[in-house]
C-alpha atoms as a PDB file:
ATOM      1  CA  MET A   1      32.097  -7.103 -88.429  1.00  0.00           C
ATOM      2  CA  PHE A   2      30.893  -9.704 -85.606  1.00  0.00           C
ATOM      3  CA  GLU A   3      31.823 -12.975 -84.875  1.00  0.00           C
ATOM      4  CA  TYR A   4      29.357 -15.573 -83.232  1.00  0.00           C
ATOM      5  CA  ASN A   5      29.886 -18.054 -80.919  1.00  0.00           C
ATOM      6  CA  GLU A   6      29.915 -22.021 -81.318  1.00  0.00           C
ATOM      7  CA  LYS A   7      26.923 -22.297 -79.810  1.00  0.00           C
ATOM      8  CA  VAL A   8      25.499 -19.257 -81.462  1.00  0.00           C
ATOM      9  CA  LEU A   9      26.517 -21.300 -84.629  1.00  0.00           C
ATOM     10  CA  LYS A  10      25.529 -24.799 -83.630  1.00  0.00           C
ATOM     11  CA  HIS A  11      22.394 -23.601 -83.502  1.00  0.00           C
ATOM     12  CA  PHE A  12      21.867 -21.552 -86.846  1.00  0.00           C
ATOM     13  CA  ARG A  13      23.250 -24.886 -88.335  1.00  0.00           C
ATOM     14  CA  ASN A  14      21.421 -27.320 -86.962  1.00  0.00           C
ATOM     15  CA  PRO A  15      18.090 -25.150 -85.055  1.00  0.00           C
ATOM     16  CA  LYS A  16      15.780 -26.960 -82.548  1.00  0.00           C
ATOM     17  CA  ASN A  17      12.294 -27.452 -83.061  1.00  0.00           C
ATOM     18  CA  MET A  18      12.441 -25.843 -86.705  1.00  0.00           C
ATOM     19  CA  GLY A  19       9.013 -25.982 -88.272  1.00  0.00           C
ATOM     20  CA  GLU A  20       5.421 -25.159 -87.858  1.00  0.00           C
ATOM     21  CA  ILE A  21       2.757 -27.139 -85.695  1.00  0.00           C
ATOM     22  CA  LYS A  22      -0.387 -27.692 -87.899  1.00  0.00           C
ATOM     23  CA  ASN A  23      -3.295 -26.729 -85.722  1.00  0.00           C
ATOM     24  CA  PRO A  24      -1.736 -24.914 -83.333  1.00  0.00           C
ATOM     25  CA  ASP A  25      -3.323 -23.722 -79.776  1.00  0.00           C
ATOM     26  CA  GLY A  26      -1.064 -20.227 -80.271  1.00  0.00           C
ATOM     27  CA  LYS A  27       0.601 -18.343 -83.006  1.00  0.00           C
ATOM     28  CA  ALA A  28       2.466 -15.125 -83.279  1.00  0.00           C
ATOM     29  CA  ILE A  29       4.398 -13.603 -85.757  1.00  0.00           C
ATOM     30  CA  VAL A  30       6.926 -10.945 -84.786  1.00  0.00           C
ATOM     31  CA  GLY A  31       9.857  -8.837 -86.729  1.00  0.00           C
ATOM     32  CA  ASN A  32      11.958  -6.296 -86.763  1.00  0.00           C
ATOM     33  CA  ALA A  33      11.499  -3.881 -89.560  1.00  0.00           C
ATOM     34  CA  VAL A  34      15.262  -2.356 -89.102  1.00  0.00           C
ATOM     35  CA  CYS A  35      17.021  -6.327 -89.797  1.00  0.00           C
ATOM     36  CA  GLY A  36      14.018  -7.446 -91.870  1.00  0.00           C
ATOM     37  CA  ASP A  37      14.391 -10.723 -89.129  1.00  0.00           C
ATOM     38  CA  ILE A  38      10.828 -11.863 -88.986  1.00  0.00           C
ATOM     39  CA  MET A  39      10.013 -14.501 -86.554  1.00  0.00           C
ATOM     40  CA  GLN A  40       6.709 -17.302 -86.626  1.00  0.00           C
ATOM     41  CA  MET A  41       6.150 -18.796 -83.118  1.00  0.00           C
ATOM     42  CA  THR A  42       3.273 -22.170 -83.049  1.00  0.00           C
ATOM     43  CA  ILE A  43       2.528 -23.796 -80.131  1.00  0.00           C
ATOM     44  CA  LYS A  44       0.816 -26.924 -78.954  1.00  0.00           C
ATOM     45  CA  VAL A  45      -0.483 -26.805 -74.847  1.00  0.00           C
ATOM     46  CA  GLY A  46      -0.913 -29.404 -72.534  1.00  0.00           C
ATOM     47  CA  LYS A  47      -1.251 -30.532 -68.787  1.00  0.00           C
ATOM     48  CA  ASN A  48       1.201 -31.619 -67.003  1.00  0.00           C
ATOM     49  CA  ARG A  49       0.819 -34.303 -64.231  1.00  0.00           C
ATOM     50  CA  LYS A  50      -0.143 -31.145 -62.236  1.00  0.00           C
ATOM     51  CA  GLY A  51      -3.183 -30.288 -63.999  1.00  0.00           C
ATOM     52  CA  GLU A  52      -1.409 -26.768 -65.280  1.00  0.00           C
ATOM     53  CA  GLU A  53      -0.816 -26.123 -68.817  1.00  0.00           C
ATOM     54  CA  ILE A  54       2.505 -26.499 -70.315  1.00  0.00           C
ATOM     55  CA  ILE A  55       3.765 -25.630 -73.288  1.00  0.00           C
ATOM     56  CA  ARG A  56       3.444 -29.176 -75.206  1.00  0.00           C
ATOM     57  CA  ASP A  57       5.508 -28.126 -78.118  1.00  0.00           C
ATOM     58  CA  VAL A  58       6.968 -25.545 -80.242  1.00  0.00           C
ATOM     59  CA  LYS A  59       8.194 -24.635 -83.876  1.00  0.00           C
ATOM     60  CA  PHE A  60       9.734 -21.753 -85.030  1.00  0.00           C
ATOM     61  CA  LYS A  61       9.859 -20.248 -88.755  1.00  0.00           C
ATOM     62  CA  THR A  62      12.487 -17.730 -89.155  1.00  0.00           C
ATOM     63  CA  LEU A  63      13.308 -15.378 -92.256  1.00  0.00           C
ATOM     64  CA  GLY A  64      16.610 -13.671 -90.890  1.00  0.00           C
ATOM     65  CA  CYS A  65      20.376 -13.477 -89.858  1.00  0.00           C
ATOM     66  CA  GLY A  66      22.277 -16.200 -87.792  1.00  0.00           C
ATOM     67  CA  ALA A  67      21.804 -14.652 -84.559  1.00  0.00           C
ATOM     68  CA  ALA A  68      17.630 -14.952 -85.404  1.00  0.00           C
ATOM     69  CA  VAL A  69      17.489 -18.012 -86.136  1.00  0.00           C
ATOM     70  CA  ALA A  70      19.957 -19.303 -82.691  1.00  0.00           C
ATOM     71  CA  SER A  71      17.227 -16.834 -80.988  1.00  0.00           C
ATOM     72  CA  SER A  72      14.686 -18.882 -81.887  1.00  0.00           C
ATOM     73  CA  SER A  73      15.803 -22.302 -81.642  1.00  0.00           C
ATOM     74  CA  MET A  74      16.969 -21.247 -78.043  1.00  0.00           C
ATOM     75  CA  GLY A  75      14.096 -20.092 -76.990  1.00  0.00           C
ATOM     76  CA  THR A  76      12.132 -22.527 -78.015  1.00  0.00           C
ATOM     77  CA  ILE A  77      14.000 -25.007 -76.277  1.00  0.00           C
ATOM     78  CA  MET A  78      13.980 -23.077 -73.220  1.00  0.00           C
ATOM     79  CA  ALA A  79      10.199 -22.830 -73.192  1.00  0.00           C
ATOM     80  CA  LYS A  80       9.211 -26.325 -74.129  1.00  0.00           C
ATOM     81  CA  GLY A  81       7.846 -28.378 -71.280  1.00  0.00           C
ATOM     82  CA  LYS A  82       7.327 -24.982 -69.011  1.00  0.00           C
ATOM     83  CA  THR A  83       3.849 -23.670 -67.996  1.00  0.00           C
ATOM     84  CA  LEU A  84       2.510 -21.170 -69.623  1.00  0.00           C
ATOM     85  CA  GLU A  85       3.455 -18.839 -66.512  1.00  0.00           C
ATOM     86  CA  GLU A  86       6.992 -20.107 -66.459  1.00  0.00           C
ATOM     87  CA  ALA A  87       6.874 -19.344 -70.249  1.00  0.00           C
ATOM     88  CA  MET A  88       5.629 -16.152 -69.540  1.00  0.00           C
ATOM     89  CA  ARG A  89       8.656 -14.806 -67.878  1.00  0.00           C
ATOM     90  CA  LEU A  90      11.226 -16.029 -70.225  1.00  0.00           C
ATOM     91  CA  THR A  91      13.857 -12.885 -70.715  1.00  0.00           C
ATOM     92  CA  ASN A  92      15.316 -11.971 -74.001  1.00  0.00           C
ATOM     93  CA  LYS A  93      18.368 -11.974 -71.424  1.00  0.00           C
ATOM     94  CA  GLN A  94      18.055 -15.243 -70.711  1.00  0.00           C
ATOM     95  CA  VAL A  95      17.713 -16.276 -74.473  1.00  0.00           C
ATOM     96  CA  GLU A  96      21.131 -14.343 -74.945  1.00  0.00           C
ATOM     97  CA  GLU A  97      22.809 -15.905 -72.277  1.00  0.00           C
ATOM     98  CA  ALA A  98      21.864 -19.459 -72.956  1.00  0.00           C
ATOM     99  CA  LEU A  99      23.425 -18.572 -76.326  1.00  0.00           C
ATOM    100  CA  GLY A 100      26.729 -17.489 -74.885  1.00  0.00           C
ATOM    101  CA  GLY A 101      26.228 -13.975 -75.897  1.00  0.00           C
ATOM    102  CA  LEU A 102      25.588 -12.514 -78.981  1.00  0.00           C
ATOM    103  CA  PRO A 103      26.895  -9.196 -80.865  1.00  0.00           C
ATOM    104  CA  PRO A 104      25.347  -6.155 -79.341  1.00  0.00           C
ATOM    105  CA  THR A 105      23.834  -5.279 -83.044  1.00  0.00           C
ATOM    106  CA  LYS A 106      22.274  -8.788 -82.602  1.00  0.00           C
ATOM    107  CA  LEU A 107      20.571  -8.633 -79.158  1.00  0.00           C
ATOM    108  CA  HIS A 108      17.175  -7.515 -80.826  1.00  0.00           C
ATOM    109  CA  CYS A 109      17.514 -10.796 -82.018  1.00  0.00           C
ATOM    110  CA  SER A 110      17.002 -12.689 -78.192  1.00  0.00           C
ATOM    111  CA  ASN A 111      13.995  -9.735 -77.900  1.00  0.00           C
ATOM    112  CA  LEU A 112      12.143 -11.111 -81.155  1.00  0.00           C
ATOM    113  CA  ALA A 113      12.288 -15.174 -79.556  1.00  0.00           C
ATOM    114  CA  ALA A 114      10.773 -14.146 -75.911  1.00  0.00           C
ATOM    115  CA  GLU A 115       8.678 -12.069 -77.045  1.00  0.00           C
ATOM    116  CA  ALA A 116       6.773 -14.329 -80.258  1.00  0.00           C
ATOM    117  CA  ILE A 117       6.367 -17.133 -77.434  1.00  0.00           C
ATOM    118  CA  HIS A 118       5.200 -14.703 -75.046  1.00  0.00           C
ATOM    119  CA  LYS A 119       2.975 -13.770 -78.159  1.00  0.00           C
ATOM    120  CA  ALA A 120       1.861 -17.596 -78.478  1.00  0.00           C
ATOM    121  CA  ILE A 121       0.969 -18.166 -75.199  1.00  0.00           C
ATOM    122  CA  GLU A 122      -1.284 -14.992 -75.395  1.00  0.00           C
ATOM    123  CA  ASP A 123      -3.026 -15.710 -78.689  1.00  0.00           C
ATOM    124  CA  TYR A 124      -3.801 -19.042 -76.517  1.00  0.00           C
ATOM    125  CA  LYS A 125      -5.381 -17.557 -73.377  1.00  0.00           C
ATOM    126  CA  LYS A 126      -7.718 -15.149 -76.234  1.00  0.00           C
ATOM    127  CA  LYS A 127      -8.609 -17.796 -78.189  1.00  0.00           C
ATOM    128  CA  SER A 128      -9.147 -20.297 -74.880  1.00  0.00           C
ATOM    129  CA  ARG A 129     -11.593 -17.793 -73.395  1.00  0.00           C
END
Protein backbone atom coordinates (compact mmCIF):
# COMPACT_ATOMS: atom_id res chain seq x y z
CA MET A 1 0.00 0.00 0.00
CA PHE A 2 1.16 3.54 -0.71
CA GLU A 3 0.16 6.94 0.55
CA TYR A 4 -0.22 10.13 -1.44
CA ASN A 5 1.13 13.36 -0.01
CA GLU A 6 -1.22 16.26 0.74
CA LYS A 7 -0.44 18.11 -2.52
CA VAL A 8 -1.32 15.05 -4.64
CA LEU A 9 -4.54 14.59 -2.67
CA LYS A 10 -5.41 18.29 -3.12
CA HIS A 11 -5.08 18.02 -6.92
CA PHE A 12 -7.02 14.75 -6.94
CA ARG A 13 -9.89 16.14 -4.87
CA ASN A 14 -9.97 19.56 -6.57
CA PRO A 15 -8.31 19.23 -9.96
CA LYS A 16 -7.58 22.36 -11.96
CA ASN A 17 -8.40 22.66 -15.68
CA MET A 18 -10.58 19.56 -15.82
CA GLY A 19 -12.86 19.34 -18.82
CA GLU A 20 -12.59 19.58 -22.56
CA ILE A 21 -12.03 22.55 -24.86
CA LYS A 22 -14.61 22.76 -27.63
CA ASN A 23 -12.91 22.99 -31.04
CA PRO A 24 -9.37 22.65 -29.63
CA ASP A 25 -6.32 23.65 -31.61
CA GLY A 26 -4.59 20.46 -30.48
CA LYS A 27 -5.77 17.22 -28.89
CA ALA A 28 -4.09 14.08 -27.60
CA ILE A 29 -5.17 10.88 -25.92
CA VAL A 30 -2.50 8.81 -24.17
CA GLY A 31 -2.75 5.78 -21.97
CA ASN A 32 -0.94 3.12 -20.05
CA ALA A 33 -2.27 -0.36 -20.85
CA VAL A 34 -0.66 -1.84 -17.73
CA CYS A 35 -2.55 0.29 -15.22
CA GLY A 36 -5.49 1.35 -17.37
CA ASP A 37 -5.01 5.12 -17.01
CA ILE A 38 -6.25 7.13 -20.00
CA MET A 39 -5.65 10.86 -20.34
CA GLN A 40 -7.05 13.32 -22.88
CA MET A 41 -5.50 16.76 -23.25
CA THR A 42 -6.96 19.62 -25.34
CA ILE A 43 -5.25 22.96 -25.96
CA LYS A 44 -6.04 26.39 -27.37
CA VAL A 45 -3.09 28.28 -28.79
CA GLY A 46 -2.73 32.05 -28.90
CA LYS A 47 0.07 34.60 -29.15
CA ASN A 48 1.81 36.54 -26.42
CA ARG A 49 2.93 40.17 -26.69
CA LYS A 50 6.13 39.07 -28.44
CA GLY A 51 4.11 37.22 -31.08
CA GLU A 52 5.19 33.80 -29.79
CA GLU A 53 2.68 30.98 -29.79
CA ILE A 54 1.55 30.11 -26.28
CA ILE A 55 -0.85 27.67 -24.68
CA ARG A 56 -3.71 30.02 -23.94
CA ASP A 57 -5.88 27.31 -22.42
CA VAL A 58 -5.49 23.62 -21.62
CA LYS A 59 -7.97 21.10 -20.24
CA PHE A 60 -7.85 17.42 -19.40
CA LYS A 61 -10.11 14.44 -18.93
CA THR A 62 -8.52 11.53 -17.10
CA LEU A 63 -9.82 8.09 -16.35
CA GLY A 64 -7.51 6.67 -13.76
CA CYS A 65 -6.12 6.67 -10.26
CA GLY A 66 -5.57 9.63 -7.95
CA ALA A 67 -1.99 10.09 -9.16
CA ALA A 68 -3.15 10.23 -12.79
CA VAL A 69 -5.76 12.92 -12.03
CA ALA A 70 -3.30 14.90 -9.88
CA SER A 71 -0.58 14.66 -12.56
CA SER A 72 -3.03 15.87 -15.22
CA SER A 73 -4.05 18.80 -13.05
CA MET A 74 -0.46 19.80 -12.27
CA GLY A 75 0.68 19.32 -15.89
CA THR A 76 -2.00 21.70 -17.15
CA ILE A 77 -1.07 24.31 -14.54
CA MET A 78 2.56 24.07 -15.58
CA ALA A 79 1.80 24.31 -19.33
CA LYS A 80 -0.81 27.08 -19.33
CA GLY A 81 0.62 30.40 -20.50
CA LYS A 82 3.91 28.85 -21.63
CA THR A 83 5.26 29.13 -25.16
CA LEU A 84 4.93 25.94 -27.17
CA GLU A 85 8.72 25.47 -26.93
CA GLU A 86 8.65 25.84 -23.13
CA ALA A 87 5.73 23.42 -22.83
CA MET A 88 7.53 20.87 -25.04
CA ARG A 89 10.40 20.91 -22.53
CA LEU A 90 8.07 20.02 -19.65
CA THR A 91 9.22 16.70 -18.19
CA ASN A 92 7.56 14.02 -16.12
CA LYS A 93 10.18 14.70 -13.43
CA GLN A 94 9.08 18.35 -13.22
CA VAL A 95 5.43 17.30 -12.88
CA GLU A 96 6.32 14.77 -10.19
CA GLU A 97 8.46 17.29 -8.27
CA ALA A 98 5.74 19.96 -8.47
CA LEU A 99 3.40 17.44 -6.83
CA GLY A 100 5.91 16.86 -4.04
CA GLY A 101 6.64 13.34 -5.24
CA LEU A 102 4.68 10.25 -6.21
CA PRO A 103 4.94 6.66 -4.99
CA PRO A 104 7.37 4.68 -7.21
CA THR A 105 4.52 2.56 -8.59
CA LYS A 106 2.73 5.74 -9.73
CA LEU A 107 5.57 7.57 -11.51
CA HIS A 108 4.13 6.53 -14.88
CA CYS A 109 1.25 8.95 -14.22
CA SER A 110 3.57 11.96 -14.45
CA ASN A 111 4.90 10.48 -17.73
CA LEU A 112 1.37 10.46 -19.13
CA ALA A 113 0.76 14.11 -18.24
CA ALA A 114 3.93 15.35 -19.95
CA GLU A 115 3.36 13.04 -22.93
CA ALA A 116 -0.26 14.22 -23.39
CA ILE A 117 0.81 17.88 -23.42
CA HIS A 118 3.59 17.16 -25.93
CA LYS A 119 1.27 15.18 -28.21
CA ALA A 120 -1.43 17.88 -28.10
CA ILE A 121 1.20 20.42 -29.20
CA GLU A 122 2.40 18.07 -31.95
CA ASP A 123 -1.23 17.65 -33.09
CA TYR A 124 -1.62 21.44 -33.24
CA LYS A 125 1.60 21.83 -35.23
CA LYS A 126 0.55 19.12 -37.67
CA LYS A 127 -2.84 20.80 -38.22
CA SER A 128 -1.39 24.30 -38.63
CA ARG A 129 1.15 23.45 -41.33
